[in-house]
Protein backbone atom coordinates (compact mmCIF):
# COMPACT_ATOMS: atom_id res chain seq x y z
CA MET A 1 -52.29 85.26 67.90
CA ASP A 2 -50.06 82.60 66.32
CA PRO A 3 -49.00 79.61 68.49
CA VAL A 4 -45.36 80.74 68.84
CA THR A 5 -46.32 84.21 70.05
CA LEU A 6 -48.92 82.71 72.37
CA GLY A 7 -46.34 80.36 73.81
CA LEU A 8 -43.95 83.22 74.49
CA THR A 9 -46.49 84.82 76.80
CA ARG A 10 -45.98 81.87 79.16
CA GLY A 11 -42.18 81.77 79.16
CA ALA A 12 -39.69 80.03 76.90
CA ALA A 13 -37.02 77.35 77.02
CA VAL A 14 -34.37 76.42 74.47
CA LEU A 15 -33.60 72.70 74.47
CA GLY A 16 -30.16 71.85 73.15
CA LEU A 17 -27.47 74.51 72.87
CA GLY A 18 -25.87 73.74 69.54
CA VAL A 19 -25.77 76.13 66.59
CA SER A 20 -29.55 76.30 66.14
CA GLY A 21 -30.26 76.46 69.88
CA ILE A 22 -27.90 79.37 70.46
CA ALA A 23 -29.37 81.20 67.44
CA ALA A 24 -32.89 80.72 68.84
CA ALA A 25 -31.81 81.89 72.31
CA GLU A 26 -30.15 85.01 70.86
CA PHE A 27 -33.30 85.81 68.89
CA LEU A 28 -35.59 85.38 71.90
CA THR A 29 -33.28 87.51 74.05
CA SER A 30 -33.26 90.24 71.39
CA ARG A 31 -37.06 90.29 71.53
CA GLY A 32 -36.99 90.89 75.25
CA VAL A 33 -38.28 87.51 76.43
CA ALA A 34 -38.26 87.96 80.19
CA SER A 35 -38.03 84.35 81.34
CA LEU A 36 -35.69 82.30 79.16
CA LEU A 37 -34.41 78.88 80.27
CA LEU A 38 -31.43 77.28 78.47
CA CYS A 39 -31.22 73.48 78.74
CA ASP A 40 -28.66 70.94 77.60
CA ARG A 41 -27.72 67.40 78.58
CA ASP A 42 -24.01 68.29 78.42
CA PRO A 43 -22.77 70.15 81.55
CA GLY A 44 -19.79 71.28 79.49
CA LYS A 45 -22.04 73.71 77.64
CA ALA A 46 -21.96 75.92 80.74
CA GLY A 47 -18.48 77.00 79.68
CA ASP A 48 -19.55 78.06 76.19
CA PRO A 49 -18.94 81.82 75.79
CA ALA A 50 -22.24 82.18 73.92
CA VAL A 51 -24.10 80.61 76.85
CA ALA A 52 -22.25 82.82 79.32
CA SER A 53 -23.24 85.90 77.31
CA LEU A 54 -26.91 84.87 77.39
CA VAL A 55 -26.75 84.25 81.14
CA ALA A 56 -25.26 87.72 81.62
CA ARG A 57 -28.38 89.07 79.91
CA GLY A 58 -30.75 87.26 82.25
CA ALA A 59 -31.14 83.72 80.91
CA ARG A 60 -31.27 80.79 83.35
CA THR A 61 -29.63 77.42 82.69
CA ARG A 62 -30.15 73.75 83.46
CA PHE A 63 -27.61 71.06 82.55
CA GLY A 64 -27.07 67.37 83.16
CA ALA A 65 -29.42 64.46 83.77
CA ASP A 66 -32.45 66.56 84.76
CA TRP A 67 -32.11 69.03 81.89
CA LEU A 68 -35.72 68.43 80.73
CA SER A 69 -37.32 68.69 84.15
CA ASP A 70 -39.64 71.49 85.26
CA LEU A 71 -39.97 73.10 81.82
CA PRO A 72 -42.28 76.11 81.36
CA ALA A 73 -45.67 75.52 79.74
CA GLY A 74 -44.83 78.18 77.18
CA LEU A 75 -42.64 78.04 74.05
CA LEU A 76 -40.21 75.10 73.89
CA VAL A 77 -37.63 75.45 71.12
CA ARG A 78 -36.01 72.07 70.47
CA SER A 79 -32.77 71.47 68.61
CA PRO A 80 -33.22 69.21 65.55
CA GLY A 81 -31.61 66.17 67.18
CA ILE A 82 -34.13 66.09 70.05
CA ARG A 83 -37.18 63.95 69.31
CA PRO A 84 -40.44 65.85 69.82
CA ASP A 85 -42.14 62.80 71.35
CA LEU A 86 -39.96 62.56 74.46
CA PRO A 87 -42.23 61.99 77.48
CA GLU A 88 -41.16 65.25 79.14
CA LEU A 89 -42.08 67.23 76.01
CA LYS A 90 -45.36 65.43 75.39
CA GLU A 91 -46.38 66.16 78.96
CA LYS A 92 -45.73 69.88 78.54
CA VAL A 93 -47.54 70.01 75.20
CA ARG A 94 -50.58 68.41 76.83
CA ALA A 95 -50.35 71.19 79.45
CA GLY A 96 -50.47 73.85 76.74
CA ALA A 97 -46.83 74.32 75.75
CA VAL A 98 -45.97 75.11 72.12
CA LEU A 99 -43.18 72.99 70.66
CA SER A 100 -41.12 74.51 67.87
CA GLY A 101 -37.62 74.57 66.46
CA GLU A 102 -35.29 77.31 65.31
CA VAL A 103 -36.69 77.03 61.77
CA GLY A 104 -40.25 77.14 63.10
CA LEU A 105 -39.33 80.28 65.02
CA PHE A 106 -38.00 81.83 61.82
CA LEU A 107 -41.13 80.93 59.85
CA ALA A 108 -43.40 82.39 62.54
CA TYR A 109 -41.86 85.85 62.04
CA SER A 110 -40.63 85.80 58.43
CA PRO A 111 -42.55 87.82 55.81
CA ALA A 112 -40.54 86.25 52.97
CA ARG A 113 -41.67 83.84 50.27
CA LEU A 114 -40.56 80.30 51.08
CA PHE A 115 -38.87 77.70 48.89
CA ALA A 116 -37.87 74.45 50.63
CA VAL A 117 -35.67 71.46 49.82
CA THR A 118 -35.43 68.05 51.46
CA GLY A 119 -34.23 64.57 50.56
CA SER A 120 -31.67 62.00 51.67
CA ALA A 121 -28.80 63.50 49.65
CA GLY A 122 -28.01 66.66 47.72
CA LYS A 123 -30.06 69.07 49.86
CA SER A 124 -27.26 71.54 50.56
CA THR A 125 -26.11 71.73 46.95
CA VAL A 126 -29.62 72.23 45.59
CA THR A 127 -30.56 74.78 48.27
CA THR A 128 -27.44 76.84 47.58
CA LEU A 129 -27.87 76.66 43.81
CA VAL A 130 -31.56 77.64 43.98
CA ALA A 131 -30.70 80.70 46.08
CA SER A 132 -27.92 81.60 43.62
CA ILE A 133 -30.33 81.36 40.68
CA LEU A 134 -32.94 83.53 42.38
CA HIS A 135 -30.28 86.07 43.30
CA ALA A 136 -29.11 86.15 39.66
CA ALA A 137 -32.74 86.86 38.73
CA GLY A 138 -32.64 89.99 40.89
CA LEU A 139 -34.52 88.59 43.87
CA ASP A 140 -33.49 89.10 47.49
CA ALA A 141 -32.78 85.41 48.14
CA VAL A 142 -31.22 83.94 51.28
CA ALA A 143 -30.36 80.30 52.01
CA GLY A 144 -30.52 78.64 55.42
CA GLY A 145 -32.24 76.05 57.57
CA ASN A 146 -30.24 72.85 57.96
CA LEU A 147 -27.64 74.38 55.66
CA GLY A 148 -25.67 76.13 58.39
CA ALA A 149 -26.05 79.63 59.79
CA SER A 150 -29.44 80.60 61.18
CA LEU A 151 -31.58 83.05 59.23
CA LEU A 152 -33.06 84.55 62.42
CA PRO A 153 -30.55 87.46 62.46
CA LEU A 154 -31.67 88.37 58.92
CA LEU A 155 -35.36 88.80 59.81
CA PRO A 156 -35.19 92.63 60.14
CA ARG A 157 -34.13 93.03 56.51
CA LEU A 158 -36.49 90.48 54.92
CA THR A 159 -39.64 91.70 53.15
CA LYS A 160 -42.57 90.16 51.32
CA THR A 161 -40.51 90.21 48.12
CA SER A 162 -37.58 88.31 49.67
CA VAL A 163 -37.23 84.56 49.17
CA ALA A 164 -35.99 82.27 51.94
CA VAL A 165 -34.63 79.02 50.52
CA LEU A 166 -34.53 76.47 53.33
CA GLU A 167 -32.82 73.11 53.48
CA LEU A 168 -34.98 71.02 55.81
CA SER A 169 -33.91 67.74 57.40
CA SER A 170 -36.27 65.00 58.55
CA PHE A 171 -35.43 66.03 62.14
CA GLN A 172 -36.80 69.50 61.46
CA LEU A 173 -39.82 68.28 59.50
CA THR A 174 -40.96 65.74 62.11
CA ASP A 175 -43.16 68.37 63.77
CA LEU A 176 -42.99 71.19 61.21
CA SER A 177 -45.45 71.94 58.39
CA PRO A 178 -43.78 74.82 56.56
CA ASP A 179 -46.27 75.22 53.63
CA PRO A 180 -43.73 76.58 51.09
CA GLU A 181 -44.50 78.11 47.73
CA ARG A 182 -42.25 75.51 46.10
CA ALA A 183 -40.72 72.38 47.62
CA ALA A 184 -38.46 69.62 46.34
CA ILE A 185 -38.11 66.08 47.67
CA LEU A 186 -34.93 65.13 45.84
CA ASN A 187 -34.68 61.43 46.73
CA LEU A 188 -35.37 58.97 49.54
CA SER A 189 -33.07 56.27 50.83
CA GLU A 190 -32.27 54.83 54.26
CA ASN A 191 -30.92 57.57 56.50
CA HIS A 192 -30.99 58.58 60.19
CA LEU A 193 -32.42 55.21 61.22
CA ASN A 194 -30.60 55.59 64.54
CA TRP A 195 -33.04 58.45 65.27
CA HIS A 196 -36.25 57.57 63.40
CA THR A 197 -38.35 54.57 64.33
CA GLY A 198 -38.07 53.33 60.75
CA MET A 199 -38.40 54.27 57.08
CA ALA A 200 -42.14 54.91 57.40
CA GLU A 201 -41.58 57.67 59.95
CA TYR A 202 -38.61 59.04 57.99
CA ARG A 203 -40.65 59.22 54.78
CA ALA A 204 -43.65 60.78 56.52
CA ALA A 205 -41.40 63.51 57.92
CA LYS A 206 -40.07 64.29 54.45
CA GLU A 207 -43.55 64.52 52.96
CA ARG A 208 -44.56 67.13 55.55
CA ILE A 209 -42.66 69.65 53.42
CA LEU A 210 -45.61 69.73 50.99
CA GLY A 211 -48.41 72.17 51.75
CA LYS A 212 -51.79 71.96 50.04
CA LYS A 213 -50.88 74.58 47.42
CA THR A 214 -47.15 73.89 47.23
CA VAL A 215 -45.67 73.38 43.76
CA GLY A 216 -43.84 70.08 44.24
CA VAL A 217 -40.57 69.09 42.59
CA PHE A 218 -39.94 65.34 42.28
CA PRO A 219 -37.57 62.91 40.53
CA VAL A 220 -39.04 60.80 37.76
CA ALA A 221 -36.73 57.92 38.71
CA ASP A 222 -38.52 57.33 42.04
CA PRO A 223 -42.11 56.21 41.32
CA SER A 224 -43.14 56.65 44.97
CA LEU A 225 -42.08 60.30 44.91
CA ARG A 226 -43.40 60.90 41.43
CA ARG A 227 -46.84 59.80 42.65
CA LEU A 228 -46.82 62.78 45.02
CA ALA A 229 -47.24 65.00 41.95
CA ALA A 230 -50.81 63.75 41.52
CA GLY A 231 -53.40 66.37 42.38
CA ARG A 232 -50.97 69.29 42.62
CA GLU A 233 -48.96 71.54 40.33
CA ALA A 234 -45.59 69.86 39.96
CA ARG A 235 -42.23 69.93 38.21
CA LEU A 236 -40.46 66.66 37.45
CA PHE A 237 -36.78 66.14 36.68
CA SER A 238 -34.98 63.24 35.07
CA LEU A 239 -31.66 62.23 33.54
CA PHE A 240 -33.57 61.00 30.50
CA PRO A 241 -36.26 62.56 28.30
CA PRO A 242 -39.76 61.11 28.58
CA ALA A 243 -41.40 59.19 25.79
CA LYS A 244 -43.72 61.41 23.79
CA GLY A 245 -46.79 59.72 25.18
CA GLU A 246 -45.67 60.42 28.75
CA ARG A 247 -45.36 64.17 28.30
CA ARG A 248 -48.18 65.96 30.09
CA LEU A 249 -49.04 69.61 29.79
CA GLY A 250 -48.48 71.60 32.93
CA GLU A 251 -45.45 69.55 33.93
CA VAL A 252 -41.84 70.37 33.23
CA TRP A 253 -39.23 67.79 32.35
CA TYR A 254 -35.49 68.23 32.18
CA ALA A 255 -32.95 66.03 30.45
CA PRO A 256 -29.52 66.35 28.87
CA ASP A 257 -29.80 65.69 25.15
CA GLY A 258 -26.73 66.12 23.03
CA GLY A 259 -25.14 68.18 25.78
CA TRP A 260 -28.17 70.43 26.38
CA LEU A 261 -30.77 70.69 29.09
CA LEU A 262 -34.29 70.41 27.72
CA ARG A 263 -37.61 71.59 29.07
CA PHE A 264 -41.05 70.27 28.14
CA SER A 265 -44.12 72.36 28.85
CA ASP A 266 -47.25 73.47 27.02
CA GLU A 267 -44.86 75.20 24.60
CA GLY A 268 -43.28 71.87 23.65
CA VAL A 269 -39.62 70.91 23.93
CA ARG A 270 -37.22 73.80 24.34
CA ARG A 271 -33.47 73.96 24.75
CA LEU A 272 -32.36 75.83 27.84
CA PHE A 273 -28.55 75.94 27.84
CA PRO A 274 -25.55 73.66 27.19
CA LEU A 275 -24.71 71.27 29.99
CA GLU A 276 -21.06 72.31 29.71
CA ARG A 277 -21.98 75.46 31.68
CA PHE A 278 -22.16 73.27 34.81
CA ARG A 279 -18.79 72.54 36.43
CA LEU A 280 -19.54 69.91 39.07
CA PRO A 281 -18.75 66.28 38.19
CA GLY A 282 -20.86 63.19 38.73
CA GLU A 283 -24.35 61.97 37.92
CA HIS A 284 -25.56 62.96 41.39
CA ASN A 285 -24.57 66.57 40.73
CA LEU A 286 -26.36 66.50 37.38
CA LEU A 287 -29.51 65.44 39.24
CA ASN A 288 -28.92 68.29 41.71
CA LEU A 289 -28.70 70.72 38.79
CA LEU A 290 -31.91 69.41 37.24
CA ALA A 291 -33.75 69.72 40.55
CA ALA A 292 -32.56 73.31 41.03
CA VAL A 293 -33.63 74.26 37.51
CA ALA A 294 -37.03 72.65 38.14
CA MET A 295 -37.37 74.58 41.40
CA THR A 296 -36.77 77.92 39.69
CA ASP A 297 -38.57 77.34 36.39
CA GLY A 298 -41.08 80.13 35.84
CA VAL A 299 -39.65 82.20 38.69
CA ALA A 300 -36.24 83.00 37.22
CA PRO A 301 -35.65 83.63 33.50
CA VAL A 302 -33.50 81.12 31.63
CA GLY A 303 -30.69 83.68 31.34
CA ALA A 304 -30.47 84.05 35.12
CA ILE A 305 -30.48 80.28 35.58
CA GLU A 306 -27.67 79.87 33.07
CA GLU A 307 -25.66 82.70 34.66
CA ALA A 308 -25.91 81.23 38.16
CA VAL A 309 -25.19 77.69 36.98
CA SER A 310 -22.07 78.77 35.09
CA ARG A 311 -20.70 80.48 38.22
CA PHE A 312 -21.56 77.70 40.67
CA THR A 313 -18.54 75.83 42.01
CA GLY A 314 -20.22 73.74 44.69
CA ILE A 315 -20.44 73.96 48.47
CA PRO A 316 -17.76 73.63 51.14
CA HIS A 317 -16.91 70.09 52.26
CA ARG A 318 -18.58 68.47 49.23
CA MET A 319 -15.86 67.14 46.91
CA GLU A 320 -13.83 70.24 47.76
CA GLU A 321 -10.16 70.10 46.80
CA VAL A 322 -7.86 71.40 49.54
CA PRO A 323 -4.11 72.10 49.52
CA GLY A 324 -1.95 69.09 50.32
CA PRO A 325 1.47 67.57 49.66
CA LEU A 326 2.99 68.13 46.21
CA GLY A 327 1.51 65.76 43.66
CA VAL A 328 -1.23 64.50 46.00
CA ARG A 329 -4.83 65.49 45.42
CA CYS A 330 -6.69 66.00 48.73
CA VAL A 331 -10.50 66.00 48.57
CA ASP A 332 -12.72 67.04 51.48
CA SER A 333 -16.17 65.48 51.20
CA SER A 334 -16.89 65.49 54.93
CA ILE A 335 -20.56 66.17 54.18
CA ASP A 336 -20.86 62.56 52.93
CA THR A 337 -22.55 61.15 56.03
CA THR A 338 -24.15 58.08 54.41
CA PRO A 339 -22.78 55.18 52.34
CA GLU A 340 -24.92 56.40 49.43
CA ARG A 341 -23.13 59.75 49.39
CA THR A 342 -19.73 58.09 49.56
CA LEU A 343 -20.66 55.94 46.56
CA SER A 344 -21.69 59.04 44.59
CA THR A 345 -18.38 60.70 45.36
CA LEU A 346 -16.34 57.64 44.38
CA SER A 347 -18.26 57.47 41.11
CA ALA A 348 -17.67 61.16 40.38
CA LEU A 349 -13.91 60.83 41.06
CA ALA A 350 -13.49 57.82 38.75
CA PRO A 351 -11.13 56.69 37.29
CA ALA A 352 -9.11 57.87 40.30
CA ARG A 353 -8.67 55.15 42.97
CA PRO A 354 -8.35 57.16 46.18
CA LEU A 355 -7.02 56.40 49.61
CA LEU A 356 -10.39 56.58 51.34
CA LEU A 357 -11.00 57.75 54.91
CA LEU A 358 -14.18 56.14 56.31
CA GLY A 359 -15.73 56.40 59.76
CA GLY A 360 -17.18 58.55 62.50
CA ALA A 361 -20.52 57.91 64.20
CA GLY A 362 -22.94 55.59 62.43
CA LYS A 363 -26.61 56.21 61.64
CA GLY A 364 -27.82 52.62 61.88
CA LEU A 365 -27.34 52.13 58.12
CA SER A 366 -25.86 49.15 56.29
CA TYR A 367 -22.32 49.44 54.93
CA GLU A 368 -22.87 46.48 52.60
CA PRO A 369 -23.36 48.74 49.51
CA LEU A 370 -19.75 49.92 49.94
CA VAL A 371 -18.17 46.47 49.54
CA ALA A 372 -18.09 45.96 45.77
CA PRO A 373 -17.28 49.60 44.89
CA LEU A 374 -14.41 49.67 47.41
CA LYS A 375 -12.90 46.59 45.76
CA ARG A 376 -12.97 48.27 42.34
CA ARG A 377 -12.45 51.94 43.06
CA VAL A 378 -10.32 52.34 46.20
CA LYS A 379 -6.55 51.96 46.54
CA ASP A 380 -6.64 51.86 50.35
CA ALA A 381 -9.38 52.16 52.99
CA ILE A 382 -8.53 53.64 56.38
CA LEU A 383 -11.24 53.34 59.04
CA PHE A 384 -11.51 55.71 62.01
CA GLY A 385 -13.89 56.72 64.77
CA ARG A 386 -16.67 54.99 66.66
CA ALA A 387 -18.05 53.17 63.60
CA ALA A 388 -14.70 51.76 62.48
CA ARG A 389 -15.24 48.28 63.94
CA GLU A 390 -18.75 48.00 62.52
CA ILE A 391 -17.54 49.00 59.06
CA ALA A 392 -14.63 46.57 59.43
CA LYS A 393 -17.00 43.65 60.04
CA THR A 394 -18.81 44.39 56.78
CA LEU A 395 -15.57 44.77 54.83
CA ASP A 396 -14.20 41.55 56.33
CA ALA A 397 -17.27 39.66 55.15
CA GLY A 398 -16.79 41.11 51.68
CA GLY A 399 -13.04 40.46 51.51
CA VAL A 400 -12.11 44.15 51.30
CA PRO A 401 -8.67 45.05 52.76
CA TYR A 402 -8.50 48.00 55.13
CA ARG A 403 -6.63 49.56 58.05
CA VAL A 404 -8.15 50.71 61.34
CA ILE A 405 -6.67 53.84 62.90
CA PRO A 406 -9.26 54.98 65.47
CA ASP A 407 -7.99 58.55 65.95
CA PHE A 408 -9.09 60.92 63.17
CA ASP A 409 -5.82 62.85 63.06
CA GLY A 410 -3.82 59.63 62.98
CA ALA A 411 -5.96 58.23 60.17
CA VAL A 412 -5.55 61.35 58.02
CA ARG A 413 -1.81 61.48 58.61
CA ALA A 414 -1.47 57.79 57.75
CA ALA A 415 -3.31 58.33 54.47
CA LEU A 416 -1.13 61.33 53.58
CA GLU A 417 2.07 59.45 54.43
CA SER A 418 1.00 56.50 52.28
CA ALA A 419 0.04 58.62 49.28
CA ALA A 420 2.40 58.72 46.31
CA SER A 421 2.55 61.40 43.64
CA GLY A 422 -0.61 61.20 41.54
CA ASP A 423 -2.70 59.70 44.35
CA THR A 424 -5.93 61.10 45.77
CA VAL A 425 -6.63 61.21 49.52
CA LEU A 426 -10.39 61.36 50.00
CA LEU A 427 -12.34 62.13 53.17
CA SER A 428 -15.79 60.69 52.45
CA PRO A 429 -16.72 59.17 55.82
CA ALA A 430 -20.18 57.63 55.18
CA CYS A 431 -20.88 58.53 58.84
CA THR A 432 -21.71 61.57 60.94
CA SER A 433 -19.02 63.48 62.82
CA TYR A 434 -20.64 63.46 66.25
CA ASP A 435 -18.20 61.06 67.90
CA ALA A 436 -15.39 63.61 67.68
CA PHE A 437 -16.65 66.88 66.10
CA HIS A 438 -19.71 69.06 66.57
CA ASP A 439 -20.52 68.87 62.85
CA PHE A 440 -19.22 67.72 59.48
CA ALA A 441 -17.81 71.18 58.74
CA ALA A 442 -15.51 71.03 61.77
CA ARG A 443 -14.34 67.59 60.62
CA GLY A 444 -13.68 68.91 57.13
CA ASP A 445 -11.82 71.92 58.50
CA ARG A 446 -9.59 69.59 60.53
CA PHE A 447 -8.87 67.53 57.41
CA ARG A 448 -7.91 70.69 55.52
CA LEU A 449 -5.59 71.74 58.36
CA LEU A 450 -3.85 68.36 58.46
CA CYS A 451 -3.41 68.32 54.69
CA GLY A 452 -1.98 71.84 54.85
CA GLU A 453 0.43 70.83 57.60
CA ALA A 454 1.66 67.95 55.44
CA LYS A 455 2.24 70.39 52.58
CA GLU A 456 4.24 72.72 54.83
CA ARG A 457 6.49 69.86 56.01
CA GLU A 458 7.72 69.18 52.48
């Protein structure tokens, strides 16, 4: 009997009632779990219609300061933001409880093949593109994990020939060893240091994505990640072709050369398709493309890869243009929750000098890398949210002008009112949304609504 099933025989609790927690609770209820406890620190969750529906079907609840007290010694399903080493959880694990997450629950019951993607940036784009490529190849491919909607409701239709493509965050990988068929670590940079104890723990979590027989996908540009290819079958991707002496049989390299993507294998160098098939701008998106092609090499034929790439227009809230006032370009990149992502977006939008909306809830990261680019590439910086003052201190030290408008709606409206014809208003916050929104998508949706309202007022 697998650990999850064994845990269920002793009762179950769902810890944290966000998107993943509710999905896990719905799944457990559908399987007839007799004793289900729903726990959340926020007493306001009691008024959530989804929680009320679960209670009507027999679930019990616990909210507030003692939300982790008196847990069952059975299956404990934690939301990604809850550290697995909290004293209350460690105590229950020592008593025989099984700690999992919504993704772990999915993997325990899924018959599908597994492809997995992690990294500090680009995970959602690569995960979505990989699933699109596999679908174009005729495979039953579904994308999920940290990407958004839970895959648990899809379990009844998945088979051994299906492919689940999962985006996995460091939060999910901290106590998860998924053992995928193929896995990519796209990049590593400082991220989530308000949650992790440091970069060593963050990196270790990312590396847990690699099982013993997993085909790894790594960037050539990061020597520390490239070293992970040693001793395993691997695919490497790079913006530049390798020197002839560095080409090794059994590895695959990708590089644009004269407008083409190239592959190197035991067959030598081969052209795949023209780079012009890919519509997304920016060097970071080119790296995302290369990673997705590396992930699907040998699984999907080149024709299917080219077909999917030519149709791919990106993901919501990542450099997504939304309707706004006449003559003003409004760009929703709410998914940019680190300074590194904001820098990638500014680079991709060049030579445009946008009115930039920065702020939200910080991750314990430095905003220093933003200083020089903001001087060169930004017409106006408007800071909002909980992190506004911290960002302001860094910009002050660097001599970067800015405005602070704490309220998100007020900041967006101020940017739209200041914009002249030909300007770009960019939401690329470099911070999470958790000070005012339940996720980056809700923040992006609010930005779209405010831009639309400004258009209607014309």
